[in-house]
PDB file of N, CA and C in Angstrom:
ATOM      1  N   MET A   1     -16.763 -25.608  15.447  1.00  0.00           N
ATOM      2  CA  MET A   1     -16.133 -24.581  14.635  1.00  0.00           C
ATOM      3  C   MET A   1     -15.198 -25.217  13.614  1.00  0.00           C
ATOM      4  N   ALA A   2     -15.210 -24.648  12.443  1.00  0.00           N
ATOM      5  CA  ALA A   2     -14.342 -25.101  11.357  1.00  0.00           C
ATOM      6  C   ALA A   2     -13.133 -24.170  11.247  1.00  0.00           C
ATOM      7  N   HIS A   3     -12.092 -24.651  10.628  1.00  0.00           N
ATOM      8  CA  HIS A   3     -10.884 -23.851  10.408  1.00  0.00           C
ATOM      9  C   HIS A   3     -10.851 -23.370   8.961  1.00  0.00           C
ATOM     10  N   PHE A   4     -10.504 -22.096   8.806  1.00  0.00           N
ATOM     11  CA  PHE A   4     -10.432 -21.488   7.478  1.00  0.00           C
ATOM     12  C   PHE A   4      -9.107 -20.758   7.331  1.00  0.00           C
ATOM     13  N   ILE A   5      -8.606 -20.724   6.119  1.00  0.00           N
ATOM     14  CA  ILE A   5      -7.461 -19.878   5.795  1.00  0.00           C
ATOM     15  C   ILE A   5      -7.984 -18.785   4.868  1.00  0.00           C
ATOM     16  N   ILE A   6      -7.572 -17.564   5.144  1.00  0.00           N
ATOM     17  CA  ILE A   6      -8.093 -16.413   4.412  1.00  0.00           C
ATOM     18  C   ILE A   6      -6.937 -15.633   3.823  1.00  0.00           C
ATOM     19  N   TRP A   7      -7.075 -15.276   2.548  1.00  0.00           N
ATOM     20  CA  TRP A   7      -6.137 -14.358   1.911  1.00  0.00           C
ATOM     21  C   TRP A   7      -6.829 -13.012   1.895  1.00  0.00           C
ATOM     22  N   ASP A   8      -6.391 -12.122   2.764  1.00  0.00           N
ATOM     23  CA  ASP A   8      -7.000 -10.799   2.961  1.00  0.00           C
ATOM     24  C   ASP A   8      -6.271  -9.774   2.093  1.00  0.00           C
ATOM     25  N   MET A   9      -6.964  -9.276   1.066  1.00  0.00           N
ATOM     26  CA  MET A   9      -6.391  -8.290   0.153  1.00  0.00           C
ATOM     27  C   MET A   9      -7.103  -6.943   0.293  1.00  0.00           C
ATOM     28  N   SER A  10      -7.765  -6.727   1.424  1.00  0.00           N
ATOM     29  CA  SER A  10      -8.573  -5.519   1.593  1.00  0.00           C
ATOM     30  C   SER A  10      -7.739  -4.263   1.799  1.00  0.00           C
ATOM     31  N   SER A  11      -6.577  -4.368   2.428  1.00  0.00           N
ATOM     32  CA  SER A  11      -5.812  -3.157   2.710  1.00  0.00           C
ATOM     33  C   SER A  11      -4.338  -3.246   2.328  1.00  0.00           C
ATOM     34  N   LYS A  12      -3.841  -4.428   2.017  1.00  0.00           N
ATOM     35  CA  LYS A  12      -2.448  -4.592   1.606  1.00  0.00           C
ATOM     36  C   LYS A  12      -2.402  -5.100   0.188  1.00  0.00           C
ATOM     37  N   ALA A  13      -1.582  -4.512  -0.631  1.00  0.00           N
ATOM     38  CA  ALA A  13      -1.558  -4.827  -2.055  1.00  0.00           C
ATOM     39  C   ALA A  13      -1.298  -6.309  -2.322  1.00  0.00           C
ATOM     40  N   ASP A  14      -0.347  -6.920  -1.589  1.00  0.00           N
ATOM     41  CA  ASP A  14      -0.028  -8.322  -1.830  1.00  0.00           C
ATOM     42  C   ASP A  14      -0.804  -9.264  -0.916  1.00  0.00           C
ATOM     43  N   GLY A  15      -1.645  -8.725  -0.061  1.00  0.00           N
ATOM     44  CA  GLY A  15      -2.490  -9.548   0.795  1.00  0.00           C
ATOM     45  C   GLY A  15      -1.767 -10.088   2.016  1.00  0.00           C
ATOM     46  N   VAL A  16      -2.570 -10.627   2.941  1.00  0.00           N
ATOM     47  CA  VAL A  16      -2.069 -11.203   4.178  1.00  0.00           C
ATOM     48  C   VAL A  16      -2.836 -12.505   4.408  1.00  0.00           C
ATOM     49  N   TRP A  17      -2.116 -13.561   4.754  1.00  0.00           N
ATOM     50  CA  TRP A  17      -2.756 -14.839   5.041  1.00  0.00           C
ATOM     51  C   TRP A  17      -3.090 -14.910   6.525  1.00  0.00           C
ATOM     52  N   LYS A  18      -4.310 -15.373   6.835  1.00  0.00           N
ATOM     53  CA  LYS A  18      -4.735 -15.491   8.236  1.00  0.00           C
ATOM     54  C   LYS A  18      -5.509 -16.790   8.415  1.00  0.00           C
ATOM     55  N   ASN A  19      -5.368 -17.403   9.595  1.00  0.00           N
ATOM     56  CA  ASN A  19      -6.142 -18.591   9.963  1.00  0.00           C
ATOM     57  C   ASN A  19      -7.222 -18.168  10.943  1.00  0.00           C
ATOM     58  N   VAL A  20      -8.442 -18.673  10.731  1.00  0.00           N
ATOM     59  CA  VAL A  20      -9.581 -18.275  11.553  1.00  0.00           C
ATOM     60  C   VAL A  20     -10.439 -19.497  11.847  1.00  0.00           C
ATOM     61  N   GLU A  21     -11.026 -19.531  13.028  1.00  0.00           N
ATOM     62  CA  GLU A  21     -12.037 -20.521  13.356  1.00  0.00           C
ATOM     63  C   GLU A  21     -13.390 -19.832  13.291  1.00  0.00           C
ATOM     64  N   ALA A  22     -14.327 -20.433  12.559  1.00  0.00           N
ATOM     65  CA  ALA A  22     -15.662 -19.853  12.410  1.00  0.00           C
ATOM     66  C   ALA A  22     -16.640 -20.936  11.986  1.00  0.00           C
ATOM     67  N   SER A  23     -17.914 -20.583  11.983  1.00  0.00           N
ATOM     68  CA  SER A  23     -18.943 -21.554  11.622  1.00  0.00           C
ATOM     69  C   SER A  23     -19.081 -21.751  10.115  1.00  0.00           C
ATOM     70  N   ASP A  24     -18.760 -20.717   9.327  1.00  0.00           N
ATOM     71  CA  ASP A  24     -18.873 -20.808   7.868  1.00  0.00           C
ATOM     72  C   ASP A  24     -17.946 -19.771   7.225  1.00  0.00           C
ATOM     73  N   PRO A  25     -17.778 -19.821   5.896  1.00  0.00           N
ATOM     74  CA  PRO A  25     -16.850 -18.885   5.237  1.00  0.00           C
ATOM     75  C   PRO A  25     -17.190 -17.410   5.459  1.00  0.00           C
ATOM     76  N   ARG A  26     -18.469 -17.048   5.445  1.00  0.00           N
ATOM     77  CA  ARG A  26     -18.846 -15.642   5.653  1.00  0.00           C
ATOM     78  C   ARG A  26     -18.476 -15.196   7.066  1.00  0.00           C
ATOM     79  N   ALA A  27     -18.751 -16.025   8.055  1.00  0.00           N
ATOM     80  CA  ALA A  27     -18.398 -15.679   9.436  1.00  0.00           C
ATOM     81  C   ALA A  27     -16.885 -15.521   9.580  1.00  0.00           C
ATOM     82  N   ALA A  28     -16.123 -16.372   8.901  1.00  0.00           N
ATOM     83  CA  ALA A  28     -14.661 -16.253   8.938  1.00  0.00           C
ATOM     84  C   ALA A  28     -14.219 -14.941   8.307  1.00  0.00           C
ATOM     85  N   ALA A  29     -14.805 -14.600   7.159  1.00  0.00           N
ATOM     86  CA  ALA A  29     -14.459 -13.349   6.478  1.00  0.00           C
ATOM     87  C   ALA A  29     -14.814 -12.138   7.331  1.00  0.00           C
ATOM     88  N   GLU A  30     -15.952 -12.186   7.992  1.00  0.00           N
ATOM     89  CA  GLU A  30     -16.386 -11.055   8.817  1.00  0.00           C
ATOM     90  C   GLU A  30     -15.504 -10.857  10.046  1.00  0.00           C
ATOM     91  N   LYS A  31     -14.826 -11.914  10.493  1.00  0.00           N
ATOM     92  CA  LYS A  31     -13.880 -11.761  11.610  1.00  0.00           C
ATOM     93  C   LYS A  31     -12.647 -10.967  11.179  1.00  0.00           C
ATOM     94  N   ILE A  32     -12.304 -11.060   9.906  1.00  0.00           N
ATOM     95  CA  ILE A  32     -11.110 -10.405   9.379  1.00  0.00           C
ATOM     96  C   ILE A  32     -11.405  -9.001   8.862  1.00  0.00           C
ATOM     97  N   CYS A  33     -12.512  -8.852   8.154  1.00  0.00           N
ATOM     98  CA  CYS A  33     -12.824  -7.601   7.464  1.00  0.00           C
ATOM     99  C   CYS A  33     -14.160  -7.060   7.968  1.00  0.00           C
ATOM    100  N   THR A  34     -14.154  -5.852   8.488  1.00  0.00           N
ATOM    101  CA  THR A  34     -15.363  -5.289   9.089  1.00  0.00           C
ATOM    102  C   THR A  34     -16.267  -4.578   8.091  1.00  0.00           C
ATOM    103  N   GLN A  35     -15.786  -4.335   6.881  1.00  0.00           N
ATOM    104  CA  GLN A  35     -16.617  -3.627   5.923  1.00  0.00           C
ATOM    105  C   GLN A  35     -17.624  -4.570   5.260  1.00  0.00           C
ATOM    106  N   GLN A  36     -18.570  -3.998   4.523  1.00  0.00           N
ATOM    107  CA  GLN A  36     -19.588  -4.789   3.858  1.00  0.00           C
ATOM    108  C   GLN A  36     -18.952  -5.696   2.815  1.00  0.00           C
ATOM    109  N   LEU A  37     -19.286  -6.988   2.880  1.00  0.00           N
ATOM    110  CA  LEU A  37     -18.729  -7.964   1.956  1.00  0.00           C
ATOM    111  C   LEU A  37     -19.785  -8.359   0.932  1.00  0.00           C
ATOM    112  N   LEU A  38     -19.401  -8.364  -0.328  1.00  0.00           N
ATOM    113  CA  LEU A  38     -20.298  -8.741  -1.411  1.00  0.00           C
ATOM    114  C   LEU A  38     -19.866 -10.083  -1.973  1.00  0.00           C
ATOM    115  N   THR A  39     -20.809 -10.869  -2.472  1.00  0.00           N
ATOM    116  CA  THR A  39     -20.468 -12.171  -3.038  1.00  0.00           C
ATOM    117  C   THR A  39     -20.296 -12.115  -4.551  1.00  0.00           C
ATOM    118  N   VAL A  40     -20.559 -10.954  -5.149  1.00  0.00           N
ATOM    119  CA  VAL A  40     -20.321 -10.770  -6.586  1.00  0.00           C
ATOM    120  C   VAL A  40     -19.541  -9.477  -6.783  1.00  0.00           C
ATOM    121  N   GLY A  41     -18.741  -9.444  -7.827  1.00  0.00           N
ATOM    122  CA  GLY A  41     -17.954  -8.253  -8.118  1.00  0.00           C
ATOM    123  C   GLY A  41     -16.957  -8.542  -9.226  1.00  0.00           C
ATOM    124  N   SER A  42     -16.098  -7.595  -9.456  1.00  0.00           N
ATOM    125  CA  SER A  42     -15.085  -7.745 -10.495  1.00  0.00           C
ATOM    126  C   SER A  42     -13.760  -8.199  -9.869  1.00  0.00           C
ATOM    127  N   PRO A  43     -12.895  -8.801 -10.666  1.00  0.00           N
ATOM    128  CA  PRO A  43     -11.629  -9.319 -10.131  1.00  0.00           C
ATOM    129  C   PRO A  43     -10.787  -8.278  -9.387  1.00  0.00           C
ATOM    130  N   GLU A  44     -10.832  -7.017  -9.844  1.00  0.00           N
ATOM    131  CA  GLU A  44     -10.023  -6.005  -9.153  1.00  0.00           C
ATOM    132  C   GLU A  44     -10.597  -5.612  -7.795  1.00  0.00           C
ATOM    133  N   ASN A  45     -11.822  -6.018  -7.494  1.00  0.00           N
ATOM    134  CA  ASN A  45     -12.444  -5.689  -6.213  1.00  0.00           C
ATOM    135  C   ASN A  45     -12.481  -6.861  -5.235  1.00  0.00           C
ATOM    136  N   VAL A  46     -11.677  -7.899  -5.489  1.00  0.00           N
ATOM    137  CA  VAL A  46     -11.618  -9.033  -4.565  1.00  0.00           C
ATOM    138  C   VAL A  46     -10.984  -8.559  -3.258  1.00  0.00           C
ATOM    139  N   LEU A  47     -11.691  -8.792  -2.153  1.00  0.00           N
ATOM    140  CA  LEU A  47     -11.156  -8.438  -0.835  1.00  0.00           C
ATOM    141  C   LEU A  47     -10.585  -9.649  -0.121  1.00  0.00           C
ATOM    142  N   LEU A  48     -11.331 -10.745  -0.138  1.00  0.00           N
ATOM    143  CA  LEU A  48     -10.942 -11.931   0.620  1.00  0.00           C
ATOM    144  C   LEU A  48     -11.208 -13.198  -0.184  1.00  0.00           C
ATOM    145  N   ARG A  49     -10.318 -14.154  -0.035  1.00  0.00           N
ATOM    146  CA  ARG A  49     -10.540 -15.503  -0.554  1.00  0.00           C
ATOM    147  C   ARG A  49     -10.482 -16.421   0.662  1.00  0.00           C
ATOM    148  N   VAL A  50     -11.547 -17.184   0.870  1.00  0.00           N
ATOM    149  CA  VAL A  50     -11.673 -18.023   2.066  1.00  0.00           C
ATOM    150  C   VAL A  50     -11.713 -19.490   1.655  1.00  0.00           C
ATOM    151  N   ARG A  51     -10.861 -20.311   2.292  1.00  0.00           N
ATOM    152  CA  ARG A  51     -10.837 -21.748   2.007  1.00  0.00           C
ATOM    153  C   ARG A  51     -10.943 -22.512   3.328  1.00  0.00           C
ATOM    154  N   ALA A  52     -11.775 -23.544   3.303  1.00  0.00           N
ATOM    155  CA  ALA A  52     -11.925 -24.400   4.481  1.00  0.00           C
ATOM    156  C   ALA A  52     -10.713 -25.322   4.582  1.00  0.00           C
ATOM    157  N   LEU A  53     -10.093 -25.365   5.735  1.00  0.00           N
ATOM    158  CA  LEU A  53      -8.955 -26.258   5.944  1.00  0.00           C
ATOM    159  C   LEU A  53      -9.417 -27.655   6.339  1.00  0.00           C
ATOM    160  N   ASP A  54     -10.569 -27.755   6.988  1.00  0.00           N
ATOM    161  CA  ASP A  54     -11.089 -29.040   7.446  1.00  0.00           C
ATOM    162  C   ASP A  54     -11.637 -29.880   6.291  1.00  0.00           C
ATOM    163  N   ASN A  55     -12.093 -29.210   5.232  1.00  0.00           N
ATOM    164  CA  ASN A  55     -12.661 -29.913   4.089  1.00  0.00           C
ATOM    165  C   ASN A  55     -12.120 -29.289   2.803  1.00  0.00           C
ATOM    166  N   PRO A  56     -10.982 -29.767   2.315  1.00  0.00           N
ATOM    167  CA  PRO A  56     -10.363 -29.162   1.126  1.00  0.00           C
ATOM    168  C   PRO A  56     -11.173 -29.359  -0.154  1.00  0.00           C
ATOM    169  N   ASN A  57     -12.215 -30.188  -0.119  1.00  0.00           N
ATOM    170  CA  ASN A  57     -13.052 -30.395  -1.303  1.00  0.00           C
ATOM    171  C   ASN A  57     -14.036 -29.249  -1.521  1.00  0.00           C
ATOM    172  N   LEU A  58     -14.253 -28.423  -0.497  1.00  0.00           N
ATOM    173  CA  LEU A  58     -15.144 -27.278  -0.649  1.00  0.00           C
ATOM    174  C   LEU A  58     -14.469 -26.216  -1.517  1.00  0.00           C
ATOM    175  N   PRO A  59     -15.241 -25.535  -2.359  1.00  0.00           N
ATOM    176  CA  PRO A  59     -14.630 -24.494  -3.201  1.00  0.00           C
ATOM    177  C   PRO A  59     -14.213 -23.275  -2.380  1.00  0.00           C
ATOM    178  N   VAL A  60     -13.326 -22.497  -2.952  1.00  0.00           N
ATOM    179  CA  VAL A  60     -12.912 -21.234  -2.334  1.00  0.00           C
ATOM    180  C   VAL A  60     -14.082 -20.263  -2.428  1.00  0.00           C
ATOM    181  N   THR A  61     -14.343 -19.548  -1.334  1.00  0.00           N
ATOM    182  CA  THR A  61     -15.378 -18.522  -1.335  1.00  0.00           C
ATOM    183  C   THR A  61     -14.691 -17.174  -1.486  1.00  0.00           C
ATOM    184  N   VAL A  62     -15.158 -16.371  -2.440  1.00  0.00           N
ATOM    185  CA  VAL A  62     -14.558 -15.067  -2.714  1.00  0.00           C
ATOM    186  C   VAL A  62     -15.529 -13.978  -2.308  1.00  0.00           C
ATOM    187  N   PHE A  63     -15.003 -12.965  -1.613  1.00  0.00           N
ATOM    188  CA  PHE A  63     -15.805 -11.805  -1.208  1.00  0.00           C
ATOM    189  C   PHE A  63     -15.216 -10.553  -1.842  1.00  0.00           C
ATOM    190  N   TYR A  64     -16.091  -9.657  -2.266  1.00  0.00           N
ATOM    191  CA  TYR A  64     -15.708  -8.439  -2.969  1.00  0.00           C
ATOM    192  C   TYR A  64     -16.118  -7.219  -2.156  1.00  0.00           C
ATOM    193  N   GLY A  65     -15.504  -6.081  -2.447  1.00  0.00           N
ATOM    194  CA  GLY A  65     -15.854  -4.825  -1.801  1.00  0.00           C
ATOM    195  C   GLY A  65     -14.841  -3.750  -2.156  1.00  0.00           C
ATOM    196  N   GLU A  66     -14.921  -2.654  -1.445  1.00  0.00           N
ATOM    197  CA  GLU A  66     -14.026  -1.522  -1.695  1.00  0.00           C
ATOM    198  C   GLU A  66     -12.725  -1.699  -0.928  1.00  0.00           C
ATOM    199  N   LYS A  67     -11.613  -1.581  -1.633  1.00  0.00           N
ATOM    200  CA  LYS A  67     -10.306  -1.726  -0.983  1.00  0.00           C
ATOM    201  C   LYS A  67      -9.914  -0.433  -0.284  1.00  0.00           C
ATOM    202  N   LYS A  68      -8.987  -0.542   0.668  1.00  0.00           N
ATOM    203  CA  LYS A  68      -8.507   0.629   1.392  1.00  0.00           C
ATOM    204  C   LYS A  68      -6.992   0.534   1.533  1.00  0.00           C
ATOM    205  N   GLY A  69      -6.385   1.593   2.001  1.00  0.00           N
ATOM    206  CA  GLY A  69      -4.951   1.607   2.256  1.00  0.00           C
ATOM    207  C   GLY A  69      -4.114   1.401   1.009  1.00  0.00           C
ATOM    208  N   GLN A  70      -3.035   0.629   1.152  1.00  0.00           N
ATOM    209  CA  GLN A  70      -2.099   0.384   0.057  1.00  0.00           C
ATOM    210  C   GLN A  70      -2.779  -0.326  -1.103  1.00  0.00           C
ATOM    211  N   ALA A  71      -3.702  -1.219  -0.818  1.00  0.00           N
ATOM    212  CA  ALA A  71      -4.407  -1.937  -1.891  1.00  0.00           C
ATOM    213  C   ALA A  71      -5.189  -0.961  -2.766  1.00  0.00           C
ATOM    214  N   ALA A  72      -5.836   0.031  -2.173  1.00  0.00           N
ATOM    215  CA  ALA A  72      -6.596   1.029  -2.941  1.00  0.00           C
ATOM    216  C   ALA A  72      -5.653   1.906  -3.759  1.00  0.00           C
ATOM    217  N   ARG A  73      -4.523   2.303  -3.175  1.00  0.00           N
ATOM    218  CA  ARG A  73      -3.562   3.134  -3.904  1.00  0.00           C
ATOM    219  C   ARG A  73      -2.994   2.373  -5.102  1.00  0.00           C
ATOM    220  N   ASP A  74      -2.674   1.094  -4.911  1.00  0.00           N
ATOM    221  CA  ASP A  74      -2.145   0.293  -6.017  1.00  0.00           C
ATOM    222  C   ASP A  74      -3.188   0.108  -7.113  1.00  0.00           C
ATOM    223  N   MET A  75      -4.445  -0.058  -6.734  1.00  0.00           N
ATOM    224  CA  MET A  75      -5.505  -0.218  -7.718  1.00  0.00           C
ATOM    225  C   MET A  75      -5.664   1.057  -8.547  1.00  0.00           C
ATOM    226  N   LYS A  76      -5.601   2.225  -7.913  1.00  0.00           N
ATOM    227  CA  LYS A  76      -5.696   3.493  -8.635  1.00  0.00           C
ATOM    228  C   LYS A  76      -4.508   3.671  -9.584  1.00  0.00           C
ATOM    229  N   GLN A  77      -3.334   3.253  -9.146  1.00  0.00           N
ATOM    230  CA  GLN A  77      -2.142   3.346  -9.995  1.00  0.00           C
ATOM    231  C   GLN A  77      -2.296   2.467 -11.233  1.00  0.00           C
ATOM    232  N   ARG A  78      -2.831   1.247 -11.050  1.00  0.00           N
ATOM    233  CA  ARG A  78      -3.066   0.359 -12.197  1.00  0.00           C
ATOM    234  C   ARG A  78      -4.093   0.955 -13.148  1.00  0.00           C
ATOM    235  N   GLU A  79      -5.126   1.622 -12.606  1.00  0.00           N
ATOM    236  CA  GLU A  79      -6.144   2.261 -13.451  1.00  0.00           C
ATOM    237  C   GLU A  79      -5.518   3.377 -14.288  1.00  0.00           C
ATOM    238  N   LYS A  80      -4.654   4.196 -13.683  1.00  0.00           N
ATOM    239  CA  LYS A  80      -3.971   5.266 -14.417  1.00  0.00           C
ATOM    240  C   LYS A  80      -3.117   4.687 -15.530  1.00  0.00           C
ATOM    241  N   PHE A  81      -2.395   3.627 -15.234  1.00  0.00           N
ATOM    242  CA  PHE A  81      -1.533   2.988 -16.220  1.00  0.00           C
ATOM    243  C   PHE A  81      -2.365   2.444 -17.373  1.00  0.00           C
ATOM    244  N   SER A  82      -3.507   1.845 -17.074  1.00  0.00           N
ATOM    245  CA  SER A  82      -4.392   1.291 -18.094  1.00  0.00           C
ATOM    246  C   SER A  82      -4.920   2.396 -19.010  1.00  0.00           C
ATOM    247  N   VAL A  83      -5.313   3.525 -18.425  1.00  0.00           N
ATOM    248  CA  VAL A  83      -5.814   4.658 -19.215  1.00  0.00           C
ATOM    249  C   VAL A  83      -4.702   5.187 -20.105  1.00  0.00           C
ATOM    250  N   THR A  84      -3.477   5.266 -19.596  1.00  0.00           N
ATOM    251  CA  THR A  84      -2.344   5.743 -20.375  1.00  0.00           C
ATOM    252  C   THR A  84      -2.076   4.818 -21.556  1.00  0.00           C
ATOM    253  N   LEU A  85      -2.134   3.505 -21.325  1.00  0.00           N
ATOM    254  CA  LEU A  85      -1.929   2.552 -22.409  1.00  0.00           C
ATOM    255  C   LEU A  85      -3.012   2.657 -23.470  1.00  0.00           C
ATOM    256  N   GLN A  86      -4.251   2.832 -23.053  1.00  0.00           N
ATOM    257  CA  GLN A  86      -5.363   2.952 -24.008  1.00  0.00           C
ATOM    258  C   GLN A  86      -5.212   4.213 -24.838  1.00  0.00           C
ATOM    259  N   ALA A  87      -4.772   5.288 -24.226  1.00  0.00           N
ATOM    260  CA  ALA A  87      -4.587   6.549 -24.943  1.00  0.00           C
ATOM    261  C   ALA A  87      -3.453   6.434 -25.968  1.00  0.00           C
ATOM    262  N   ALA A  88      -2.462   5.623 -25.673  1.00  0.00           N
ATOM    263  CA  ALA A  88      -1.317   5.467 -26.562  1.00  0.00           C
ATOM    264  C   ALA A  88      -1.660   4.617 -27.791  1.00  0.00           C
ATOM    265  N   GLU A  89      -2.695   3.822 -27.686  1.00  0.00           N
ATOM    266  CA  GLU A  89      -3.058   2.948 -28.821  1.00  0.00           C
ATOM    267  C   GLU A  89      -3.709   3.685 -29.877  1.00  0.00           C
TER     268      GLU A  89
END
């Protein structure tokens, strides 16, 4: 098993750091987040960033999906603010 550090932004606006042992980045992400994880998406839909601690030369793996809780509320607030700014221009 390898060691991974995960920045979980699925339900908390500022994210939570967690350490996990797993066989690969996807398995580590699935231990933290039970919802469907996508490997492509937009920056505002980033759920998890996974980095291998045993091999720092490996790139960070990013997973995307639908946010929930405080993270979803903050995202909606940013969308409202963006629409307001566009309307003002």
